[in-house]
Amino acid sequence: MSDLPSRDLLIVGAGFSGLYMLHLARGLGLSARVLEAGDGVGGTWYWNRYPGARCDVESMQYSYQFSDELQQEWEWTERYASQPEILRYLNHVADRFGLRRDIQFNARVRAAEFDEARDHWVVSTEAGQQLTARFLVMATGCLSATNIPDFPGLGSFGGPTFHTGRWPHEPVDFTGQRVGIIGTGSSGVQSIPVIARQARELLVFQRTATWTVPAQNRPLSAEEQQAVKADYAGFRQRISLMNAAIGSAFPEDGNGVERLALDADPADRARIYEERWQHGGLPFIWAFTDLYTDLQANETAAEFTRGKIREIVKDPGVAKRLTPTNVMGCKRLCVDTGYYATFNRDNVHLVDVSESPIEEITPRGLRAGGREYALDCMIFATGFDAMTGSLTRIDIRGRGGQSLAEAWAEGPRAYLGLGVAGFPNLFLVTGPGSPSVLTNMVVAIEQNVEWIADCLEYLSRNDKQRIEATTQAQEGWEIGRASCRERV
């Protein structure tokens, strides 16, 4: 093998992160190639094609801001964009900036090893191809490694099975079928109302009830879009100062105004919650600044939402089972369209598997709580091996041959979520320890990718061949994050 790497940069993944990383690398004059497991661009929005898949951040915010021409020319159709529209947008980006010529599709990465003698990475695909590059950027996403619980009998079911994160590209027709869906996280909350309108019967197997607020989605008018486009830079700047870099129609959000739920008059507090419920979306949880820091304050938002569930769901028993018992906002809220009302349908049945656990998958369906449920098809809305799975499922080896999975055996450690001690010239986009899924992901991605690009430019300008996070810096970052969590 030659002492010289074939490229400056290899990028794994062609979603929002990989496309932007390739674009910036080209601007720096670096030779770069993207390796993508699928046969098209899109990342999350390529794989997650389940019915009802939609973003929970408003479309005019959930988009790139590096090109004002791109911002001005693209027209969004809805307040919250659907998966097909976001995928069309990312294909437009790939074509507009001529990115496809440097993307290799159907190239799933199996392993990556750092060659210490030559200061470069050797990357192997499942097809047996080997590529080398000075730097390696993992743009594999936080939510891309699908997870299916290891149920006894898994694989024995005689009907078709689906995972929301690996949905077929062609439409699935559930007409006349008895469908079982396992999981009521984000993908379950979005897909259940759509599937219920088609299936003869839908059985929802829920382990943990989910806090979800209405999207109040609607078409976007040309006038609304033009108002944003007239000052897109200012729009982005204002949003950058708001909670999680997610825009809000409520001017008090993110501008330093302290508004405490416990100080508010109960009637005024209820009015504020109702106003946000009717407006829709994630800003509901930012109605008061103490909802994340005071359990008693949080309980006021939780009780308001419990009241909404009792109001919407006609069967009191079903409403109770759909009501979460954990702290509101301890997980990212779901944003839904008609989720709770779906359980008023005669063809929808809720099975609480926290009370009656799933015992096994059977040839005819599944057994839970001693009862067998016959199904025509089965859907796993069971989420992902989040944050680390897309990285540890690849055999990534750094100095001394240590694997990333070994380095993270007791939990992931990374400096800024971007670099890992012992793994030179390796960069993670929105890796563990970065804001990532707690924010508007596109904003987090752009910040991370721009940091990496600045770093690469510095190394090139100063003729540096290697960069690596020190253990001290990495631990300092982790200690700092832990201290922030304790203060909260």
Protein backbone atom coordinates (compact mmCIF):
# COMPACT_ATOMS: atom_id res chain seq x y z
CA MET A 1 0.00 0.00 0.00
CA SER A 2 1.22 3.48 -0.83
CA ASP A 3 2.46 5.69 1.99
CA LEU A 4 0.12 8.40 0.73
CA PRO A 5 -3.62 8.24 1.48
CA SER A 6 -5.86 8.28 -1.57
CA ARG A 7 -7.84 11.28 -0.25
CA ASP A 8 -7.69 13.98 2.33
CA LEU A 9 -11.05 13.10 3.78
CA LEU A 10 -13.54 10.23 3.92
CA ILE A 11 -17.05 10.99 5.15
CA VAL A 12 -19.41 8.22 6.26
CA GLY A 13 -23.06 9.11 5.63
CA ALA A 14 -24.91 11.29 3.10
CA GLY A 15 -27.52 12.96 5.29
CA PHE A 16 -27.57 16.58 6.42
CA SER A 17 -24.12 16.17 8.04
CA GLY A 18 -22.34 14.35 5.24
CA LEU A 19 -23.62 16.61 2.47
CA TYR A 20 -22.56 19.78 4.27
CA MET A 21 -19.18 18.31 5.25
CA LEU A 22 -18.50 17.43 1.61
CA HIS A 23 -19.52 20.92 0.47
CA LEU A 24 -17.18 22.62 2.96
CA ALA A 25 -14.31 20.22 2.27
CA ARG A 26 -14.47 21.12 -1.40
CA GLY A 27 -14.41 24.79 -0.49
CA LEU A 28 -11.14 24.16 1.37
CA GLY A 29 -9.65 22.47 -1.68
CA LEU A 30 -9.60 19.07 0.01
CA SER A 31 -10.22 15.84 -1.85
CA ALA A 32 -13.16 14.12 -0.19
CA ARG A 33 -15.48 11.19 -0.73
CA VAL A 34 -18.72 10.21 0.97
CA LEU A 35 -19.54 6.55 1.63
CA GLU A 36 -23.29 5.97 1.95
CA ALA A 37 -24.99 2.67 2.82
CA GLY A 38 -28.20 3.53 0.96
CA ASP A 39 -28.76 4.12 -2.72
CA GLY A 40 -29.63 7.78 -2.25
CA VAL A 41 -28.93 10.83 -0.12
CA GLY A 42 -31.00 11.84 2.88
CA GLY A 43 -29.75 9.93 5.92
CA THR A 44 -32.56 9.83 8.49
CA TRP A 45 -35.00 11.04 5.86
CA TYR A 46 -33.93 8.36 3.39
CA TRP A 47 -34.52 5.47 5.82
CA ASN A 48 -37.50 6.67 7.89
CA ARG A 49 -40.35 6.47 5.39
CA TYR A 50 -43.03 5.21 7.75
CA PRO A 51 -46.57 6.60 7.40
CA GLY A 52 -46.85 10.01 9.01
CA ALA A 53 -43.09 10.64 9.28
CA ARG A 54 -42.63 14.34 9.82
CA CYS A 55 -40.16 16.75 11.45
CA ASP A 56 -40.95 18.27 14.86
CA VAL A 57 -39.09 21.51 14.02
CA GLU A 58 -40.77 23.97 11.69
CA SER A 59 -39.65 23.60 8.09
CA MET A 60 -38.27 27.10 7.60
CA GLN A 61 -35.93 26.44 10.53
CA TYR A 62 -35.13 22.80 9.77
CA SER A 63 -32.99 23.61 6.76
CA TYR A 64 -29.48 24.74 5.85
CA GLN A 65 -28.52 28.37 6.36
CA PHE A 66 -25.07 28.34 4.70
CA SER A 67 -26.47 29.52 1.36
CA ASP A 68 -28.90 32.41 1.18
CA GLU A 69 -29.61 31.54 -2.47
CA LEU A 70 -30.74 28.08 -1.35
CA GLN A 71 -32.90 29.58 1.40
CA GLN A 72 -34.54 31.98 -1.03
CA GLU A 73 -35.25 29.51 -3.82
CA TRP A 74 -36.69 26.57 -1.85
CA GLU A 75 -40.44 26.67 -1.17
CA TRP A 76 -41.81 24.66 1.76
CA THR A 77 -45.44 23.55 1.59
CA GLU A 78 -46.23 22.95 5.28
CA ARG A 79 -45.41 24.37 8.68
CA TYR A 80 -43.93 20.99 9.64
CA ALA A 81 -42.39 19.26 6.64
CA SER A 82 -43.12 15.62 5.92
CA GLN A 83 -40.45 13.01 5.20
CA PRO A 84 -41.02 13.04 1.41
CA GLU A 85 -40.64 16.83 1.29
CA ILE A 86 -37.44 16.84 3.37
CA LEU A 87 -36.02 14.09 1.17
CA ARG A 88 -36.84 16.13 -1.93
CA TYR A 89 -35.07 19.09 -0.34
CA LEU A 90 -31.90 17.10 0.36
CA ASN A 91 -31.89 15.71 -3.17
CA HIS A 92 -32.22 19.28 -4.44
CA VAL A 93 -29.22 20.29 -2.30
CA ALA A 94 -27.15 17.37 -3.63
CA ASP A 95 -27.97 18.34 -7.22
CA ARG A 96 -27.68 22.11 -6.79
CA PHE A 97 -24.15 21.88 -5.39
CA GLY A 98 -23.07 18.97 -7.61
CA LEU A 99 -22.34 16.70 -4.65
CA ARG A 100 -23.29 13.33 -6.15
CA ARG A 101 -20.08 12.89 -8.10
CA ASP A 102 -18.20 12.48 -4.80
CA ILE A 103 -20.74 10.17 -3.14
CA GLN A 104 -20.45 6.41 -3.37
CA PHE A 105 -23.82 4.79 -2.77
CA ASN A 106 -24.50 1.22 -1.60
CA ALA A 107 -21.21 1.38 0.30
CA ARG A 108 -21.85 0.31 3.89
CA VAL A 109 -18.72 0.76 6.01
CA ARG A 110 -17.69 -2.35 7.94
CA ALA A 111 -14.45 -1.24 9.59
CA ALA A 112 -12.01 1.66 9.92
CA GLU A 113 -8.49 1.42 11.32
CA PHE A 114 -5.95 4.16 11.96
CA ASP A 115 -2.54 3.41 10.46
CA GLU A 116 -0.20 5.02 12.99
CA ALA A 117 2.91 4.66 10.84
CA ARG A 118 1.33 6.55 7.93
CA ASP A 119 -1.04 8.83 9.83
CA HIS A 120 -4.11 7.86 7.87
CA TRP A 121 -7.31 5.85 8.09
CA VAL A 122 -7.97 2.63 6.22
CA VAL A 123 -11.69 2.15 5.69
CA SER A 124 -13.27 -1.13 4.55
CA THR A 125 -16.76 -1.60 3.14
CA GLU A 126 -18.94 -4.68 3.36
CA ALA A 127 -18.31 -5.24 -0.34
CA GLY A 128 -14.58 -5.66 0.37
CA GLN A 129 -13.43 -2.29 -0.92
CA GLN A 130 -10.61 -0.49 0.91
CA LEU A 131 -10.10 3.28 0.88
CA THR A 132 -7.60 5.48 2.66
CA ALA A 133 -7.75 9.07 3.82
CA ARG A 134 -5.88 11.37 6.17
CA PHE A 135 -9.06 12.25 8.05
CA LEU A 136 -12.27 10.37 8.77
CA VAL A 137 -15.58 12.08 9.55
CA MET A 138 -18.41 9.95 10.92
CA ALA A 139 -21.61 11.63 9.73
CA THR A 140 -23.65 8.55 10.62
CA GLY A 141 -26.35 10.25 12.69
CA CYS A 142 -27.56 9.80 16.24
CA LEU A 143 -30.68 7.85 15.32
CA SER A 144 -29.76 5.50 12.50
CA ALA A 145 -28.88 2.12 14.08
CA THR A 146 -32.27 0.44 14.43
CA ASN A 147 -33.19 -1.44 17.57
CA ILE A 148 -35.49 -4.46 17.90
CA PRO A 149 -35.77 -6.00 21.38
CA ASP A 150 -34.59 -9.60 21.55
CA PHE A 151 -38.03 -11.11 22.06
CA PRO A 152 -38.18 -14.91 22.28
CA GLY A 153 -39.36 -16.27 18.97
CA LEU A 154 -38.22 -13.21 17.07
CA GLY A 155 -38.24 -14.16 13.41
CA SER A 156 -40.89 -16.86 13.80
CA PHE A 157 -43.83 -14.65 12.80
CA GLY A 158 -45.35 -15.80 9.52
CA GLY A 159 -46.53 -12.41 8.31
CA PRO A 160 -44.61 -9.36 7.11
CA THR A 161 -42.69 -7.31 9.68
CA PHE A 162 -41.51 -3.71 9.46
CA HIS A 163 -39.31 -1.35 11.46
CA THR A 164 -40.21 2.32 11.27
CA GLY A 165 -36.53 3.19 10.81
CA ARG A 166 -36.13 0.84 7.80
CA TRP A 167 -39.44 1.30 6.04
CA PRO A 168 -39.88 -0.03 2.47
CA HIS A 169 -39.53 2.49 -0.33
CA GLU A 170 -42.81 1.38 -1.88
CA PRO A 171 -46.14 2.12 -0.10
CA VAL A 172 -47.46 -0.52 2.32
CA ASP A 173 -51.21 -1.21 2.13
CA PHE A 174 -52.79 -2.15 5.47
CA THR A 175 -56.34 -2.24 4.16
CA GLY A 176 -58.36 -5.04 5.76
CA GLN A 177 -55.47 -6.16 7.97
CA ARG A 178 -55.10 -6.70 11.70
CA VAL A 179 -51.94 -4.75 12.44
CA GLY A 180 -49.83 -4.81 15.59
CA ILE A 181 -47.45 -1.95 16.37
CA ILE A 182 -44.95 -2.21 19.23
CA GLY A 183 -43.78 1.11 20.65
CA THR A 184 -45.26 4.54 21.30
CA GLY A 185 -42.23 6.79 20.96
CA SER A 186 -41.96 9.42 18.25
CA SER A 187 -42.35 7.10 15.24
CA GLY A 188 -45.27 5.31 16.90
CA VAL A 189 -46.98 8.58 17.80
CA GLN A 190 -46.67 9.76 14.20
CA SER A 191 -47.58 6.52 12.42
CA ILE A 192 -50.42 5.20 14.60
CA PRO A 193 -53.03 7.82 13.49
CA VAL A 194 -52.23 7.23 9.81
CA ILE A 195 -52.23 3.42 9.98
CA ALA A 196 -55.44 3.42 12.05
CA ARG A 197 -57.30 5.11 9.20
CA GLN A 198 -56.39 2.24 6.88
CA ALA A 199 -56.21 -0.95 8.93
CA ARG A 200 -59.20 -3.10 9.77
CA GLU A 201 -57.88 -3.28 13.33
CA LEU A 202 -54.82 -1.75 15.00
CA LEU A 203 -53.38 -3.10 18.24
CA VAL A 204 -50.96 -0.71 19.93
CA PHE A 205 -48.53 -2.38 22.35
CA GLN A 206 -47.33 0.32 24.73
CA ARG A 207 -44.65 -0.06 27.40
CA THR A 208 -44.26 3.58 28.43
CA ALA A 209 -46.77 6.34 27.78
CA THR A 210 -45.36 9.33 25.91
CA TRP A 211 -45.73 13.04 26.53
CA THR A 212 -46.87 14.49 23.23
CA VAL A 213 -48.25 17.88 22.22
CA PRO A 214 -50.19 18.75 19.06
CA ALA A 215 -48.32 20.05 16.03
CA GLN A 216 -51.26 22.10 14.78
CA ASN A 217 -49.74 21.60 11.35
CA ARG A 218 -51.06 23.53 8.36
CA PRO A 219 -50.04 24.64 4.87
CA LEU A 220 -47.54 27.49 4.64
CA SER A 221 -48.71 30.50 2.67
CA ALA A 222 -46.48 32.33 0.22
CA GLU A 223 -46.88 35.46 2.36
CA GLU A 224 -45.58 33.69 5.49
CA GLN A 225 -42.55 32.38 3.65
CA GLN A 226 -41.80 35.74 2.05
CA ALA A 227 -41.92 37.46 5.44
CA VAL A 228 -39.18 35.13 6.71
CA LYS A 229 -37.14 35.32 3.51
CA ALA A 230 -37.14 39.11 3.64
CA ASP A 231 -34.85 38.84 6.68
CA TYR A 232 -33.72 35.21 6.85
CA ALA A 233 -30.41 36.17 8.49
CA GLY A 234 -32.21 38.04 11.26
CA PHE A 235 -34.69 35.17 11.62
CA ARG A 236 -31.81 32.71 12.12
CA GLN A 237 -30.03 35.03 14.55
CA ARG A 238 -33.10 35.40 16.74
CA ILE A 239 -33.66 31.64 16.77
CA SER A 240 -30.04 31.00 17.75
CA LEU A 241 -30.77 32.73 21.07
CA MET A 242 -33.88 30.66 21.79
CA ASN A 243 -34.21 27.40 23.67
CA ALA A 244 -32.52 24.54 21.79
CA ALA A 245 -32.10 26.83 18.75
CA ILE A 246 -35.74 26.14 17.95
CA GLY A 247 -37.80 29.16 17.03
CA SER A 248 -40.88 30.19 18.92
CA ALA A 249 -43.70 32.57 18.10
CA PHE A 250 -43.64 33.72 21.73
CA PRO A 251 -41.20 36.64 22.10
CA GLU A 252 -40.46 35.89 25.77
CA ASP A 253 -38.80 32.56 24.86
CA GLY A 254 -35.03 32.68 24.96
CA ASN A 255 -34.59 36.40 25.54
CA GLY A 256 -33.62 36.12 29.19
CA VAL A 257 -37.05 36.91 30.62
CA GLU A 258 -37.69 34.83 33.73
CA ARG A 259 -41.30 33.74 34.00
CA LEU A 260 -41.99 31.26 36.79
CA ALA A 261 -44.95 28.90 36.75
CA LEU A 262 -45.21 28.90 40.52
CA ASP A 263 -45.41 32.69 40.64
CA ALA A 264 -48.20 32.88 38.09
CA ASP A 265 -51.85 33.21 38.96
CA PRO A 266 -53.42 29.75 38.31
CA ALA A 267 -55.95 31.15 35.86
CA ASP A 268 -53.25 33.09 33.98
CA ARG A 269 -51.00 30.03 33.96
CA ALA A 270 -53.78 27.88 32.48
CA ARG A 271 -54.42 30.54 29.84
CA ILE A 272 -50.74 30.53 28.83
CA TYR A 273 -50.65 26.73 28.57
CA GLU A 274 -53.84 26.74 26.51
CA GLU A 275 -52.44 29.39 24.18
CA ARG A 276 -49.33 27.28 23.56
CA TRP A 277 -51.33 24.07 23.16
CA GLN A 278 -53.44 25.71 20.47
CA HIS A 279 -50.36 27.17 18.77
CA GLY A 280 -48.70 23.74 18.76
CA GLY A 281 -45.20 22.33 18.86
CA LEU A 282 -42.22 22.09 21.19
CA PRO A 283 -42.46 25.66 22.59
CA PHE A 284 -45.20 24.35 24.87
CA ILE A 285 -42.55 23.17 27.35
CA TRP A 286 -40.88 26.61 27.40
CA ALA A 287 -43.99 28.41 28.65
CA PHE A 288 -42.23 29.02 31.96
CA THR A 289 -38.52 29.10 32.73
CA ASP A 290 -38.76 26.83 35.80
CA LEU A 291 -40.40 23.82 34.12
CA TYR A 292 -37.01 22.12 33.70
CA THR A 293 -35.63 23.10 37.11
CA ASP A 294 -38.48 22.73 39.59
CA LEU A 295 -40.54 19.54 39.90
CA GLN A 296 -43.49 21.41 41.40
CA ALA A 297 -43.48 23.83 38.47
CA ASN A 298 -43.14 20.96 36.01
CA GLU A 299 -46.18 19.34 37.59
CA THR A 300 -48.34 22.30 36.52
CA ALA A 301 -47.54 21.63 32.85
CA ALA A 302 -47.94 17.88 33.34
CA GLU A 303 -51.34 18.26 34.99
CA PHE A 304 -52.53 20.58 32.23
CA THR A 305 -51.55 17.93 29.67
CA ARG A 306 -53.17 15.14 31.69
CA GLY A 307 -56.34 17.18 31.61
CA LYS A 308 -56.08 17.41 27.81
CA ILE A 309 -55.69 13.63 27.56
CA ARG A 310 -58.76 13.08 29.76
CA GLU A 311 -60.67 15.61 27.67
CA ILE A 312 -59.73 14.05 24.31
CA VAL A 313 -59.82 10.30 25.08
CA LYS A 314 -63.38 9.17 25.78
CA ASP A 315 -62.60 5.95 27.65
CA PRO A 316 -61.26 6.89 31.13
CA GLY A 317 -59.31 3.62 31.39
CA VAL A 318 -57.58 4.17 28.06
CA ALA A 319 -56.90 7.80 28.94
CA LYS A 320 -55.24 6.72 32.18
CA ARG A 321 -53.00 4.21 30.39
CA LEU A 322 -52.02 6.87 27.84
CA THR A 323 -51.02 9.29 30.60
CA PRO A 324 -47.27 9.35 31.33
CA THR A 325 -46.03 9.05 34.90
CA ASN A 326 -42.53 10.45 34.33
CA VAL A 327 -41.46 14.08 34.47
CA MET A 328 -42.65 16.06 31.49
CA GLY A 329 -39.73 17.01 29.27
CA CYS A 330 -37.22 14.55 30.75
CA LYS A 331 -37.30 13.12 27.24
CA ARG A 332 -37.80 15.28 24.17
CA LEU A 333 -41.52 15.84 23.74
CA CYS A 334 -43.25 14.21 20.81
CA VAL A 335 -45.24 16.38 18.43
CA ASP A 336 -48.32 14.69 16.99
CA THR A 337 -51.28 15.05 14.68
CA GLY A 338 -54.38 13.44 16.17
CA TYR A 339 -52.57 10.88 18.34
CA TYR A 340 -54.79 10.84 21.43
CA ALA A 341 -58.03 11.11 19.42
CA THR A 342 -57.02 8.00 17.46
CA PHE A 343 -57.75 5.89 20.54
CA ASN A 344 -61.44 6.85 20.28
CA ARG A 345 -61.68 4.80 17.10
CA ASP A 346 -63.49 1.45 17.37
CA ASN A 347 -60.71 -0.28 15.42
CA VAL A 348 -57.86 0.83 17.72
CA HIS A 349 -56.99 -1.07 20.91
CA LEU A 350 -54.29 -0.24 23.46
CA VAL A 351 -52.39 -3.08 25.14
CA ASP A 352 -50.29 -2.00 28.12
CA VAL A 353 -47.23 -4.27 28.06
CA SER A 354 -45.88 -2.75 31.26
CA GLU A 355 -48.73 -4.62 32.95
CA SER A 356 -48.86 -7.54 30.50
CA PRO A 357 -45.32 -7.91 29.09
CA ILE A 358 -44.64 -9.35 25.66
CA GLU A 359 -43.60 -12.93 26.32
CA GLU A 360 -42.79 -14.09 22.80
CA ILE A 361 -43.31 -13.60 19.12
CA THR A 362 -45.31 -16.47 17.67
CA PRO A 363 -45.97 -17.68 14.10
CA ARG A 364 -49.45 -16.13 14.33
CA GLY A 365 -48.61 -12.91 16.15
CA LEU A 366 -47.39 -12.33 19.69
CA ARG A 367 -48.16 -13.40 23.24
CA ALA A 368 -48.46 -10.80 26.00
CA GLY A 369 -49.73 -11.31 29.53
CA GLY A 370 -50.64 -14.90 28.76
CA ARG A 371 -52.82 -13.96 25.78
CA GLU A 372 -51.97 -14.53 22.14
CA TYR A 373 -52.80 -11.73 19.71
CA ALA A 374 -53.26 -12.92 16.13
CA LEU A 375 -51.87 -10.42 13.61
CA ASP A 376 -51.60 -10.10 9.84
CA CYS A 377 -48.49 -7.92 10.08
CA MET A 378 -46.23 -6.51 12.77
CA ILE A 379 -44.53 -3.12 13.06
CA PHE A 380 -41.59 -2.43 15.36
CA ALA A 381 -41.61 1.24 16.37
CA THR A 382 -38.89 0.37 18.88
CA GLY A 383 -36.43 3.11 18.10
CA PHE A 384 -32.68 3.08 17.79
CA ASP A 385 -29.44 2.18 19.47
CA ALA A 386 -29.17 5.91 19.95
CA MET A 387 -26.10 8.15 19.93
CA THR A 388 -23.48 5.38 19.88
CA GLY A 389 -24.96 2.48 17.89
CA SER A 390 -24.20 3.86 14.45
CA LEU A 391 -20.54 4.18 15.55
CA THR A 392 -19.93 1.06 17.65
CA ARG A 393 -21.57 -1.23 15.08
CA ILE A 394 -18.65 -0.31 12.83
CA ASP A 395 -15.31 -1.78 13.89
CA ILE A 396 -13.47 1.52 14.42
CA ARG A 397 -9.92 1.08 15.76
CA GLY A 398 -7.56 3.83 16.83
CA ARG A 399 -4.10 3.88 18.37
CA GLY A 400 -2.83 0.49 19.51
CA GLY A 401 -5.71 -1.25 17.77
CA GLN A 402 -8.22 -0.31 20.47
CA SER A 403 -11.78 -0.39 19.22
CA LEU A 404 -14.20 2.43 19.86
CA ALA A 405 -16.62 -0.09 21.38
CA GLU A 406 -13.92 -1.05 23.90
CA ALA A 407 -13.09 2.56 24.66
CA TRP A 408 -16.77 3.20 25.36
CA ALA A 409 -17.44 -0.03 27.26
CA GLU A 410 -18.30 1.93 30.42
CA GLY A 411 -20.06 4.73 28.57
CA PRO A 412 -19.16 7.07 25.72
CA ARG A 413 -16.53 9.75 26.24
CA ALA A 414 -15.77 12.44 23.68
CA TYR A 415 -14.31 15.93 23.67
CA LEU A 416 -17.10 18.33 22.64
CA GLY A 417 -18.82 15.27 21.19
CA LEU A 418 -16.45 15.74 18.24
CA GLY A 419 -13.21 13.89 19.02
CA VAL A 420 -12.19 10.85 21.05
CA ALA A 421 -8.89 10.34 22.90
CA GLY A 422 -6.94 7.52 21.28
CA PHE A 423 -8.52 8.06 17.86
CA PRO A 424 -6.42 10.55 15.88
CA ASN A 425 -7.82 12.38 12.85
CA LEU A 426 -11.32 11.07 13.61
CA PHE A 427 -14.25 13.49 13.88
CA LEU A 428 -17.81 12.74 14.99
CA VAL A 429 -20.69 14.95 13.90
CA THR A 430 -23.19 15.48 16.75
CA GLY A 431 -21.52 12.72 18.74
CA PRO A 432 -22.12 11.75 22.39
CA GLY A 433 -21.68 14.73 24.67
CA SER A 434 -22.74 17.33 22.09
CA PRO A 435 -26.15 19.06 22.14
CA SER A 436 -27.32 16.99 19.11
CA VAL A 437 -30.82 15.55 19.62
CA LEU A 438 -31.65 18.09 22.35
CA THR A 439 -31.66 20.86 19.73
CA ASN A 440 -32.68 21.72 16.21
CA MET A 441 -30.46 19.05 14.64
CA VAL A 442 -29.63 21.04 11.51
CA VAL A 443 -28.27 23.91 13.60
CA ALA A 444 -26.20 21.47 15.69
CA ILE A 445 -24.95 19.75 12.53
CA GLU A 446 -23.91 23.01 10.87
CA GLN A 447 -22.04 24.15 14.00
CA ASN A 448 -20.21 20.81 14.29
CA VAL A 449 -19.34 20.58 10.60
CA GLU A 450 -18.09 24.17 10.51
CA TRP A 451 -15.91 23.47 13.57
CA ILE A 452 -14.43 20.44 11.81
CA ALA A 453 -13.85 22.44 8.63
CA ASP A 454 -12.12 25.21 10.57
CA CYS A 455 -9.94 22.60 12.25
CA LEU A 456 -8.99 20.99 8.93
CA GLU A 457 -8.19 24.37 7.45
CA TYR A 458 -5.92 25.18 10.42
CA LEU A 459 -4.11 21.83 10.13
CA SER A 460 -3.57 22.31 6.40
CA ARG A 461 -2.37 25.90 6.79
CA ASN A 462 0.12 24.86 9.48
CA ASP A 463 1.23 21.64 7.77
CA LYS A 464 -0.01 19.46 10.64
CA GLN A 465 -0.62 15.79 9.92
CA ARG A 466 -2.42 14.63 13.05
CA ILE A 467 -4.85 15.90 15.68
CA GLU A 468 -6.29 14.06 18.66
CA ALA A 469 -8.27 14.95 21.77
CA THR A 470 -6.24 14.53 24.93
CA THR A 471 -7.62 12.41 27.75
CA GLN A 472 -7.39 15.44 30.04
CA ALA A 473 -9.47 17.62 27.70
CA GLN A 474 -11.97 14.84 27.17
CA GLU A 475 -12.45 14.23 30.89
CA GLY A 476 -12.63 17.97 31.54
CA TRP A 477 -15.49 18.24 29.05
CA GLU A 478 -17.32 15.33 30.68
CA ILE A 479 -16.84 16.79 34.18
CA GLY A 480 -18.12 20.15 32.96
CA ARG A 481 -21.22 18.59 31.42
CA ALA A 482 -21.91 16.60 34.61
CA SER A 483 -21.58 19.79 36.67
CA CYS A 484 -24.12 21.54 34.45
CA ARG A 485 -26.57 18.64 34.87
CA GLU A 486 -26.20 18.81 38.65
CA ARG A 487 -26.89 22.56 38.70
CA VAL A 488 -30.02 22.02 36.63
